[in-house]
């Protein structure tokens, strides 16, 4: 990394050293990334993310109530069948957003020693945003041209064909908007603006609820109304983020003129971001396989699994708030070359993940009967529900540490390691759950995800051991995506 100490005996013929950047003002987003106490920085970055996720989960419950109030089975089925499409779009937005956001944070960290490094950020943000929008547009066009085969592929039958077609068609029209919104969320977080992201996501959930009430309860637009509410609320998110970046971000630009196809920008963005796309794809496959296998054992186990998943979502969202929230801090400190601060952030994050799951797991297991009674008064669900919940909680704690390692790989530009983590989760789960079902029946299905997460954690430890020397070297000598190349394409 460029030294902050001036050369006192440099020859007069040398160019003057680049001046160090001005220290961030206390209380600013940049200050939390740069010099704030680690616990304050984590609170600033992670708590808003966890809060936004919990609000999003509450929105899903409220939205289900609106849809259920119509007493239309086809409408419920249409939204369920269309969920994988939304997951794919989130993966596309995350691919450009996570990859671009990690690079932005690294460049911001480098700019503390050389302010000229920040000039390349315009090319990164413009390329990430318009890349997400363009990819979303291509997916939307392909989906609309192949609408009927797509609806059939999602699983619609004669009874749900019309409602699913209406939902998917409107959703496809908003795919570029959705991809752009998910991308911008990561780009704004890259500057440490976690509170602004929370405001946008909470505001989007509230707007979505209001639009649902209008379009479903008042105007009776059915499945198309649900999709339209989602699309319009995310359009508002895009507008909010674009306005905030224009007014408050010194280096970011979404202007198309900064868009570039240069490998120096696309390689780190897509290399790191592809792990997000793979992870989203595998989550969709995992959910479909798990639900179909569990359904073969009757409604009871499937219902118990649904209850356990909802309970386990609370610590899961809190843990994800930490693992996602800390990524900009890790990338920034890596770009800055601040090894001590990066290790301190990792240690504090790991302790927080462990504490959250330990406290929540102990509380839920002690009060399991009372907790389950909130969701169901069926005593037959209790025994199997507790087993499923235990497996879910164990998977959550392991997944939390796995998420921290993945964030570290993404923050430091280790694309191969990040992609390997995502591939391992998908490739391992399917044979494990099929073998578990064959050998042990329902218990095999219940514990398959837990076993998979443990194995992925082991894979992560191996990848961390392999990557450690390279990370240490880059911290001492400079990050692999040196900003000179980015500056050339951005100019």
Protein backbone atom coordinates (compact mmCIF):
# COMPACT_ATOMS: atom_id res chain seq x y z
CA UNK A 1 0.00 0.00 0.00
CA UNK A 2 1.15 3.58 -0.55
CA UNK A 3 2.96 4.82 2.55
CA UNK A 4 1.49 7.65 4.54
CA UNK A 5 4.99 8.68 5.65
CA UNK A 6 6.67 11.16 3.27
CA UNK A 7 10.10 10.34 1.85
CA UNK A 8 12.42 12.84 3.53
CA UNK A 9 15.42 11.97 1.33
CA UNK A 10 13.75 11.57 -2.06
CA UNK A 11 15.67 13.04 -5.03
CA UNK A 12 14.44 16.40 -6.23
CA UNK A 13 13.72 14.97 -9.69
CA UNK A 14 10.96 12.71 -8.33
CA UNK A 15 7.30 13.74 -8.56
CA UNK A 16 5.84 14.90 -5.27
CA UNK A 17 4.01 12.30 -3.24
CA UNK A 18 0.24 12.21 -3.58
CA UNK A 19 -1.24 13.94 -0.56
CA UNK A 20 -3.19 11.85 1.90
CA UNK A 21 -6.94 12.22 1.91
CA UNK A 22 -8.60 14.38 4.53
CA UNK A 23 -9.72 12.35 7.53
CA UNK A 24 -13.49 11.59 7.51
CA UNK A 25 -15.53 13.75 9.87
CA UNK A 26 -16.82 11.94 12.98
CA UNK A 27 -20.38 10.70 12.66
CA UNK A 28 -20.31 10.44 8.85
CA UNK A 29 -20.83 7.17 7.00
CA UNK A 30 -17.20 7.24 5.85
CA UNK A 31 -16.01 7.74 9.43
CA UNK A 32 -17.72 4.52 10.52
CA UNK A 33 -15.81 2.64 7.83
CA UNK A 34 -12.50 4.36 8.50
CA UNK A 35 -11.82 5.15 12.14
CA UNK A 36 -14.88 4.69 14.37
CA UNK A 37 -14.59 2.19 17.24
CA UNK A 38 -15.33 -1.29 15.91
CA UNK A 39 -18.45 -1.84 18.02
CA UNK A 40 -19.86 1.52 16.93
CA UNK A 41 -19.07 0.71 13.32
CA UNK A 42 -20.74 -2.70 13.52
CA UNK A 43 -23.81 -1.22 15.20
CA UNK A 44 -24.04 1.45 12.49
CA UNK A 45 -23.67 -1.05 9.65
CA UNK A 46 -25.40 -4.18 10.95
CA UNK A 47 -28.39 -3.14 13.07
CA UNK A 48 -30.16 -1.27 10.24
CA UNK A 49 -29.66 -4.28 7.94
CA UNK A 50 -31.17 -6.69 10.47
CA UNK A 51 -34.07 -4.31 11.14
CA UNK A 52 -34.81 -3.97 7.44
CA UNK A 53 -34.86 -7.76 7.02
CA UNK A 54 -37.23 -8.22 9.94
CA UNK A 55 -39.55 -5.54 8.54
CA UNK A 56 -39.41 -7.33 5.19
CA UNK A 57 -40.46 -10.56 6.90
CA UNK A 58 -43.37 -8.77 8.59
CA UNK A 59 -44.38 -7.41 5.18
CA UNK A 60 -44.50 -10.96 3.82
CA UNK A 61 -46.88 -11.93 6.63
CA UNK A 62 -49.12 -8.89 6.05
CA UNK A 63 -49.08 -9.42 2.30
CA UNK A 64 -50.09 -13.05 2.80
CA UNK A 65 -53.03 -11.79 4.87
CA UNK A 66 -54.19 -9.50 2.06
CA UNK A 67 -53.95 -12.29 -0.48
CA UNK A 68 -55.58 -14.82 1.83
CA UNK A 69 -58.50 -12.48 2.48
CA UNK A 70 -59.58 -13.03 -1.13
CA UNK A 71 -60.14 -16.74 -0.42
CA UNK A 72 -58.76 -17.52 -3.86
CA UNK A 73 -56.62 -20.64 -3.95
CA UNK A 74 -55.42 -19.92 -7.48
CA UNK A 75 -54.16 -16.49 -6.38
CA UNK A 76 -52.19 -17.97 -3.50
CA UNK A 77 -50.74 -20.63 -5.77
CA UNK A 78 -49.78 -18.08 -8.43
CA UNK A 79 -47.70 -16.03 -6.00
CA UNK A 80 -46.05 -19.15 -4.59
CA UNK A 81 -45.21 -20.44 -8.06
CA UNK A 82 -43.77 -17.06 -9.07
CA UNK A 83 -41.42 -16.87 -6.08
CA UNK A 84 -38.46 -18.55 -7.86
CA UNK A 85 -38.60 -15.84 -10.54
CA UNK A 86 -38.22 -13.14 -7.89
CA UNK A 87 -35.32 -15.05 -6.35
CA UNK A 88 -33.55 -15.19 -9.71
CA UNK A 89 -33.96 -11.45 -10.22
CA UNK A 90 -32.57 -10.80 -6.74
CA UNK A 91 -29.59 -12.94 -7.68
CA UNK A 92 -28.96 -10.88 -10.83
CA UNK A 93 -29.16 -7.61 -8.89
CA UNK A 94 -26.98 -9.05 -6.15
CA UNK A 95 -24.38 -10.22 -8.66
CA UNK A 96 -23.76 -6.69 -9.93
CA UNK A 97 -24.44 -5.02 -6.58
CA UNK A 98 -22.27 -7.17 -4.31
CA UNK A 99 -19.41 -7.33 -6.79
CA UNK A 100 -19.58 -3.61 -7.53
CA UNK A 101 -20.15 -2.64 -3.90
CA UNK A 102 -17.14 -4.62 -2.67
CA UNK A 103 -14.92 -2.95 -5.28
CA UNK A 104 -16.29 0.50 -4.38
CA UNK A 105 -15.49 -0.04 -0.69
CA UNK A 106 -11.99 -1.21 -1.53
CA UNK A 107 -11.37 1.84 -3.72
CA UNK A 108 -12.67 4.12 -0.98
CA UNK A 109 -10.25 2.50 1.44
CA UNK A 110 -7.36 2.95 -0.99
CA UNK A 111 -8.31 6.60 -1.47
CA UNK A 112 -7.41 7.31 2.17
CA UNK A 113 -3.80 7.05 1.09
CA UNK A 114 -4.22 8.31 -2.47
CA UNK A 115 -7.37 10.38 -3.14
CA UNK A 116 -7.05 9.81 -6.92
CA UNK A 117 -8.07 6.19 -6.41
CA UNK A 118 -11.68 7.28 -5.83
CA UNK A 119 -12.01 8.57 -9.42
CA UNK A 120 -12.52 5.00 -10.67
CA UNK A 121 -15.67 4.58 -8.57
CA UNK A 122 -17.85 6.32 -11.18
CA UNK A 123 -17.09 3.63 -13.74
CA UNK A 124 -17.75 0.85 -11.24
CA UNK A 125 -21.12 2.15 -10.04
CA UNK A 126 -22.42 3.06 -13.50
CA UNK A 127 -21.34 -0.30 -14.93
CA UNK A 128 -22.86 -2.22 -12.01
CA UNK A 129 -26.22 -0.43 -12.14
CA UNK A 130 -26.71 -0.43 -15.90
CA UNK A 131 -25.34 -3.96 -16.13
CA UNK A 132 -28.04 -5.11 -13.70
CA UNK A 133 -30.74 -3.20 -15.57
CA UNK A 134 -29.62 -4.50 -18.98
CA UNK A 135 -29.40 -8.10 -17.76
CA UNK A 136 -32.83 -7.74 -16.17
CA UNK A 137 -34.22 -6.36 -19.44
CA UNK A 138 -32.80 -9.33 -21.37
CA UNK A 139 -34.38 -11.76 -18.88
CA UNK A 140 -37.69 -9.90 -19.08
CA UNK A 141 -37.73 -9.99 -22.89
CA UNK A 142 -36.89 -13.68 -22.97
CA UNK A 143 -39.54 -14.44 -20.34
CA UNK A 144 -42.25 -12.50 -22.17
CA UNK A 145 -41.43 -14.22 -25.47
CA UNK A 146 -41.59 -17.62 -23.75
CA UNK A 147 -44.34 -16.76 -21.27
CA UNK A 148 -46.46 -19.89 -21.63
CA UNK A 149 -43.55 -22.36 -21.39
CA UNK A 150 -42.18 -20.38 -18.43
CA UNK A 151 -45.48 -20.53 -16.55
CA UNK A 152 -45.66 -24.28 -17.16
CA UNK A 153 -42.06 -24.69 -16.00
CA UNK A 154 -42.93 -22.92 -12.75
CA UNK A 155 -45.53 -25.63 -12.10
CA UNK A 156 -48.86 -24.01 -13.01
CA UNK A 157 -51.71 -26.36 -13.89
CA UNK A 158 -55.07 -25.71 -15.53
CA UNK A 159 -56.54 -24.28 -12.32
CA UNK A 160 -53.69 -21.81 -11.72
CA UNK A 161 -52.64 -21.07 -15.31
CA UNK A 162 -54.46 -17.74 -15.71
CA UNK A 163 -53.53 -16.28 -12.32
CA UNK A 164 -49.90 -17.38 -12.62
CA UNK A 165 -49.67 -15.95 -16.14
CA UNK A 166 -51.01 -12.58 -14.97
CA UNK A 167 -48.59 -12.48 -12.02
CA UNK A 168 -45.53 -13.53 -14.00
CA UNK A 169 -46.28 -11.23 -16.95
CA UNK A 170 -46.52 -8.09 -14.80
CA UNK A 171 -43.51 -9.15 -12.74
CA UNK A 172 -41.45 -9.61 -15.91
CA UNK A 173 -42.24 -6.06 -16.98
CA UNK A 174 -40.61 -4.82 -13.76
CA UNK A 175 -37.59 -7.16 -13.79
CA UNK A 176 -35.15 -4.37 -14.86
CA UNK A 177 -36.47 -2.20 -12.02
CA UNK A 178 -36.18 -5.00 -9.47
CA UNK A 179 -32.63 -5.88 -10.55
CA UNK A 180 -31.64 -2.20 -10.43
CA UNK A 181 -33.12 -1.79 -6.94
CA UNK A 182 -31.27 -4.81 -5.53
CA UNK A 183 -28.04 -3.57 -7.12
CA UNK A 184 -28.37 -0.01 -5.78
CA UNK A 185 -28.98 -1.33 -2.28
CA UNK A 186 -25.49 -2.86 -2.28
CA UNK A 187 -23.86 0.20 -3.87
CA UNK A 188 -25.30 2.53 -1.23
CA UNK A 189 -24.22 0.17 1.57
CA UNK A 190 -20.72 0.17 0.09
CA UNK A 191 -20.33 3.76 1.30
CA UNK A 192 -21.39 2.80 4.82
CA UNK A 193 -24.90 4.27 4.42
CA UNK A 194 -26.69 1.41 6.18
CA UNK A 195 -29.33 3.70 7.72
CA UNK A 196 -30.28 5.05 4.31
CA UNK A 197 -30.69 1.48 3.05
CA UNK A 198 -32.93 0.70 6.02
CA UNK A 199 -35.07 3.78 5.33
CA UNK A 200 -35.48 2.73 1.70
CA UNK A 201 -36.35 -0.90 2.46
CA UNK A 202 -38.76 -0.08 5.29
CA UNK A 203 -40.37 2.64 3.17
CA UNK A 204 -40.68 0.19 0.28
CA UNK A 205 -42.40 -2.38 2.52
CA UNK A 206 -44.88 0.24 3.81
CA UNK A 207 -45.61 1.46 0.28
CA UNK A 208 -46.03 -2.11 -0.90
CA UNK A 209 -48.60 -2.78 1.83
CA UNK A 210 -50.56 0.35 0.89
CA UNK A 211 -50.49 -0.57 -2.79
CA UNK A 212 -51.57 -4.12 -1.96
CA UNK A 213 -54.54 -2.76 -0.05
CA UNK A 214 -55.49 -0.53 -2.97
CA UNK A 215 -54.91 -2.96 -5.82
CA UNK A 216 -56.14 -6.15 -4.13
CA UNK A 217 -58.86 -5.07 -1.71
CA UNK A 218 -60.24 -2.00 -3.51
CA UNK A 219 -59.54 -2.46 -7.21
CA UNK A 220 -59.59 -6.30 -7.15
CA UNK A 221 -56.66 -6.70 -9.52
CA UNK A 222 -55.76 -10.12 -8.19
CA UNK A 223 -52.36 -11.62 -9.03
CA UNK A 224 -51.51 -8.78 -11.41
CA UNK A 225 -52.15 -6.31 -8.58
CA UNK A 226 -49.71 -8.12 -6.28
CA UNK A 227 -46.99 -7.98 -8.93
CA UNK A 228 -47.77 -4.35 -9.77
CA UNK A 229 -47.49 -3.34 -6.10
CA UNK A 230 -44.08 -5.03 -5.86
CA UNK A 231 -42.87 -3.38 -9.06
CA UNK A 232 -44.02 0.14 -8.14
CA UNK A 233 -42.58 -0.02 -4.62
CA UNK A 234 -39.21 -1.07 -6.03
CA UNK A 235 -39.39 1.73 -8.59
CA UNK A 236 -39.68 4.11 -5.63
CA UNK A 237 -36.59 2.45 -4.10
CA UNK A 238 -34.60 3.07 -7.30
CA UNK A 239 -35.66 6.72 -7.28
CA UNK A 240 -34.74 7.15 -3.61
CA UNK A 241 -31.30 5.56 -3.97
CA UNK A 242 -30.50 7.45 -7.19
CA UNK A 243 -31.48 10.76 -5.57
CA UNK A 244 -29.50 10.03 -2.41
CA UNK A 245 -26.36 9.09 -4.35
CA UNK A 246 -26.67 12.21 -6.51
CA UNK A 247 -26.99 14.50 -3.49
CA UNK A 248 -24.71 12.87 -0.94
CA UNK A 249 -22.13 10.69 -2.69
CA UNK A 250 -18.96 12.50 -3.68
CA UNK A 251 -17.59 9.84 -6.02
CA UNK A 252 -20.54 7.74 -7.24
CA UNK A 253 -22.26 8.28 -10.58
CA UNK A 254 -25.02 6.38 -12.36
CA UNK A 255 -24.61 8.36 -15.60
CA UNK A 256 -24.53 5.97 -18.60
CA UNK A 257 -21.47 7.76 -20.01
CA UNK A 258 -19.33 6.13 -17.29
CA UNK A 259 -20.48 2.62 -18.28
CA UNK A 260 -17.57 0.45 -19.42
CA UNK A 261 -16.94 -3.11 -20.57
CA UNK A 262 -13.29 -2.95 -19.55
CA UNK A 263 -12.05 -6.21 -17.95
CA UNK A 264 -10.47 -4.21 -15.12
CA UNK A 265 -13.99 -3.33 -13.97
CA UNK A 266 -16.06 -6.32 -15.14
CA UNK A 267 -13.66 -8.97 -13.86
CA UNK A 268 -13.77 -8.01 -10.15
CA UNK A 269 -17.47 -7.07 -10.30
CA UNK A 270 -18.73 -10.25 -11.98
CA UNK A 271 -16.08 -12.50 -10.45
CA UNK A 272 -17.08 -11.68 -6.88
CA UNK A 273 -20.77 -11.09 -7.66
CA UNK A 274 -21.29 -14.42 -9.42
CA UNK A 275 -21.22 -16.11 -6.02
CA UNK A 276 -24.43 -14.22 -5.13
CA UNK A 277 -26.15 -15.39 -8.32
CA UNK A 278 -25.14 -18.99 -7.70
CA UNK A 279 -26.27 -18.80 -4.09
CA UNK A 280 -29.70 -17.44 -5.09
CA UNK A 281 -30.09 -20.17 -7.68
CA UNK A 282 -29.19 -22.91 -5.24
CA UNK A 283 -31.52 -21.50 -2.58
CA UNK A 284 -34.39 -21.81 -5.04
CA UNK A 285 -33.46 -25.41 -5.87
CA UNK A 286 -32.97 -26.25 -2.19
CA UNK A 287 -36.40 -24.91 -1.25
CA UNK A 288 -38.16 -26.76 -4.09
CA UNK A 289 -36.44 -30.08 -3.36
CA UNK A 290 -36.97 -29.81 0.40
CA UNK A 291 -40.66 -28.98 0.13
CA UNK A 292 -41.37 -31.74 -2.39
CA UNK A 293 -39.62 -34.41 -0.33
CA UNK A 294 -41.29 -33.32 2.92
CA UNK A 295 -44.74 -33.23 1.28
CA UNK A 296 -44.51 -36.99 0.67
CA UNK A 297 -44.74 -37.55 4.45
CA UNK A 298 -48.03 -35.70 4.82
CA UNK A 299 -49.23 -32.26 5.85
CA UNK A 300 -48.04 -32.54 9.45
CA UNK A 301 -44.27 -32.59 8.86
CA UNK A 302 -44.61 -29.99 6.12
CA UNK A 303 -46.60 -27.69 8.43
CA UNK A 304 -44.11 -28.23 11.27
CA UNK A 305 -41.26 -27.39 8.92
CA UNK A 306 -43.02 -24.20 7.91
CA UNK A 307 -43.45 -23.16 11.55
CA UNK A 308 -39.83 -24.00 12.44
CA UNK A 309 -38.50 -22.04 9.47
CA UNK A 310 -40.49 -18.96 10.51
CA UNK A 311 -39.16 -19.16 14.08
CA UNK A 312 -35.58 -19.69 12.92
CA UNK A 313 -35.88 -16.70 10.59
CA UNK A 314 -35.50 -14.31 13.53
CA UNK A 315 -31.92 -15.27 14.48
CA UNK A 316 -31.17 -15.90 10.81
CA UNK A 317 -32.06 -12.30 9.91
CA UNK A 318 -30.03 -10.99 12.84
CA UNK A 319 -27.03 -13.07 11.77
CA UNK A 320 -27.42 -12.00 8.13
CA UNK A 321 -27.54 -8.40 9.32
CA UNK A 322 -24.05 -8.93 10.76
CA UNK A 323 -22.55 -10.92 7.88
CA UNK A 324 -23.92 -8.59 5.20
CA UNK A 325 -23.44 -5.40 7.19
CA UNK A 326 -19.77 -6.02 7.91
CA UNK A 327 -18.82 -6.58 4.24
CA UNK A 328 -18.25 -2.88 3.39
CA UNK A 329 -16.12 -2.50 6.53
CA UNK A 330 -13.96 -5.49 5.59
CA UNK A 331 -13.55 -4.28 2.00
CA UNK A 332 -12.73 -0.73 3.10
CA UNK A 333 -10.10 -1.79 5.64
CA UNK A 334 -8.61 -4.21 3.12
CA UNK A 335 -8.29 -1.46 0.51
CA UNK A 336 -6.82 0.83 3.15
CA UNK A 337 -4.35 -1.84 4.23
CA UNK A 338 -5.51 -1.66 7.85
CA UNK A 339 -4.87 -5.26 8.95
CA UNK A 340 -5.55 -4.64 12.65
CA UNK A 341 -8.94 -3.03 12.02
CA UNK A 342 -10.00 -5.75 9.59
CA UNK A 343 -9.13 -8.52 12.05
CA UNK A 344 -10.90 -6.66 14.85
CA UNK A 345 -14.03 -6.41 12.69
CA UNK A 346 -13.90 -10.14 11.94
CA UNK A 347 -13.47 -11.06 15.61
CA UNK A 348 -16.29 -8.79 16.77
CA UNK A 349 -18.59 -10.08 14.02
CA UNK A 350 -17.88 -13.71 14.87
CA UNK A 351 -18.55 -13.10 18.57
CA UNK A 352 -21.80 -11.33 17.70
CA UNK A 353 -22.98 -14.17 15.47
CA UNK A 354 -22.20 -16.73 18.15
CA UNK A 355 -23.90 -14.70 20.88
CA UNK A 356 -27.08 -14.10 18.85
CA UNK A 357 -27.60 -17.75 18.03
CA UNK A 358 -26.62 -18.98 21.50
CA UNK A 359 -29.02 -16.65 23.32
CA UNK A 360 -31.87 -17.20 20.88
CA UNK A 361 -31.39 -20.99 20.67
CA UNK A 362 -31.36 -21.38 24.44
CA UNK A 363 -34.45 -19.23 24.86
CA UNK A 364 -36.45 -20.98 22.15
CA UNK A 365 -35.55 -24.50 23.21
CA UNK A 366 -36.49 -23.78 26.84
CA UNK A 367 -39.78 -22.13 25.80
CA UNK A 368 -40.43 -24.36 22.77
CA UNK A 369 -44.01 -25.26 23.72
CA UNK A 370 -45.01 -21.65 24.25
CA UNK A 371 -43.26 -20.59 21.05
CA UNK A 372 -44.93 -23.23 18.92
CA UNK A 373 -48.35 -22.46 20.44
CA UNK A 374 -48.12 -18.99 18.88
CA UNK A 375 -48.19 -20.57 15.43
CA UNK A 376 -50.25 -23.72 16.02
CA UNK A 377 -52.24 -25.40 18.79
CA UNK A 378 -51.78 -28.85 17.26
CA UNK A 379 -49.97 -30.96 19.88
CA UNK A 380 -48.90 -33.50 17.25
CA UNK A 381 -46.67 -30.86 15.65
CA UNK A 382 -44.68 -30.21 18.82
CA UNK A 383 -42.37 -33.22 18.87
CA UNK A 384 -41.39 -33.13 15.21
CA UNK A 385 -41.42 -29.33 15.24
CA UNK A 386 -38.84 -29.16 18.03
CA UNK A 387 -36.56 -31.54 16.10
CA UNK A 388 -36.85 -29.47 12.95
CA UNK A 389 -36.27 -26.25 14.91
CA UNK A 390 -33.15 -27.68 16.56
CA UNK A 391 -31.74 -28.63 13.15
CA UNK A 392 -32.58 -25.19 11.79
CA UNK A 393 -30.87 -23.40 14.68
CA UNK A 394 -27.72 -25.50 14.39
CA UNK A 395 -27.67 -24.77 10.66
CA UNK A 396 -28.09 -21.05 11.39
CA UNK A 397 -25.05 -20.81 13.68
CA UNK A 398 -22.84 -22.69 11.20
CA UNK A 399 -24.23 -20.66 8.32
CA UNK A 400 -23.44 -17.47 10.21
CA UNK A 401 -19.73 -18.25 10.33
CA UNK A 402 -19.84 -19.46 6.73
CA UNK A 403 -21.44 -16.15 5.77
CA UNK A 404 -18.62 -14.26 7.49
CA UNK A 405 -16.03 -16.19 5.50
CA UNK A 406 -17.92 -15.56 2.27
CA UNK A 407 -18.10 -11.83 3.07
CA UNK A 408 -14.34 -11.85 3.71
CA UNK A 409 -13.68 -13.50 0.34
CA UNK A 410 -15.97 -11.02 -1.43
CA UNK A 411 -14.48 -8.05 0.40
CA UNK A 412 -10.93 -9.02 -0.53
CA UNK A 413 -11.74 -9.85 -4.15
CA UNK A 414 -11.27 -13.62 -3.76
CA UNK A 415 -13.76 -14.55 -6.48
CA UNK A 416 -12.70 -18.21 -6.71
CA UNK A 417 -13.10 -18.76 -2.98
CA UNK A 418 -16.50 -17.01 -2.88
CA UNK A 419 -17.80 -18.98 -5.88
CA UNK A 420 -16.50 -22.24 -4.38
CA UNK A 421 -18.50 -21.58 -1.21
CA UNK A 422 -21.69 -21.05 -3.23
CA UNK A 423 -21.07 -24.09 -5.42
CA UNK A 424 -20.39 -26.29 -2.41
CA UNK A 425 -23.71 -25.44 -0.79
CA UNK A 426 -25.75 -26.34 -3.87
CA UNK A 427 -23.72 -29.31 -5.06
CA UNK A 428 -23.62 -30.98 -1.63
CA UNK A 429 -27.22 -30.46 -0.51
CA UNK A 430 -29.09 -32.39 -3.22
CA UNK A 431 -27.23 -35.73 -2.84
CA UNK A 432 -27.24 -35.38 0.96
CA UNK A 433 -30.99 -34.78 1.20
CA UNK A 434 -31.78 -37.56 -1.30
CA UNK A 435 -29.52 -39.99 0.57
CA UNK A 436 -30.96 -38.88 3.92
CA UNK A 437 -34.50 -39.44 2.66
CA UNK A 438 -33.57 -42.89 1.34
CA UNK A 439 -31.74 -44.07 4.48
CA UNK A 440 -33.56 -42.32 7.34
CA UNK A 441 -36.82 -40.98 5.96
CA UNK A 442 -38.11 -37.71 7.42
CA UNK A 443 -35.25 -37.33 9.96
CA UNK A 444 -32.81 -37.55 7.06
CA UNK A 445 -34.60 -34.70 5.32
CA UNK A 446 -34.72 -32.62 8.51
CA UNK A 447 -30.97 -32.85 9.17
CA UNK A 448 -29.81 -32.70 5.53
CA UNK A 449 -29.51 -28.91 5.48
CA UNK A 450 -27.62 -28.92 8.79
CA UNK A 451 -25.14 -31.53 7.54
CA UNK A 452 -24.69 -29.55 4.34
CA UNK A 453 -24.00 -26.32 6.21
CA UNK A 454 -21.40 -28.06 8.40
CA UNK A 455 -19.61 -29.43 5.33
CA UNK A 456 -19.72 -26.02 3.62
CA UNK A 457 -18.23 -24.52 6.79
CA UNK A 458 -15.37 -27.02 6.55
CA UNK A 459 -14.90 -26.09 2.87
CA UNK A 460 -14.78 -22.45 3.97
CA UNK A 461 -12.06 -23.16 6.51
CA UNK A 462 -10.00 -24.87 3.81
CA UNK A 463 -10.50 -21.95 1.41
CA UNK A 464 -9.59 -19.52 4.20
CA UNK A 465 -6.36 -21.40 4.88
CA UNK A 466 -5.55 -21.34 1.16
CA UNK A 467 -6.39 -17.63 0.79
CA UNK A 468 -4.84 -16.37 4.03
CA UNK A 469 -1.33 -15.88 2.68
CA UNK A 470 -2.59 -14.00 -0.37
CA UNK A 471 -4.78 -11.72 1.78
CA UNK A 472 -1.85 -10.98 4.08
CA UNK A 473 0.37 -10.23 1.07
CA UNK A 474 -2.19 -7.88 -0.47
CA UNK A 475 -2.63 -6.07 2.82
CA UNK A 476 1.09 -5.40 2.86
CA UNK A 477 1.69 -4.72 -0.85
CA UNK A 478 -1.63 -3.47 -2.21
CA UNK A 479 -4.96 -5.00 -3.26
CA UNK A 480 -5.08 -7.02 -6.52
CA UNK A 481 -7.45 -4.56 -8.24
CA UNK A 482 -5.02 -1.66 -8.26
CA UNK A 483 -6.91 1.49 -9.04
CA UNK A 484 -4.60 2.60 -11.84
CA UNK A 485 -6.27 0.21 -14.29
CA UNK A 486 -9.73 1.26 -13.14
CA UNK A 487 -8.78 4.91 -13.51
CA UNK A 488 -7.63 4.36 -17.09
CA UNK A 489 -11.01 2.94 -18.16
CA UNK A 490 -12.98 5.49 -16.11
CA UNK A 491 -11.12 8.37 -17.72
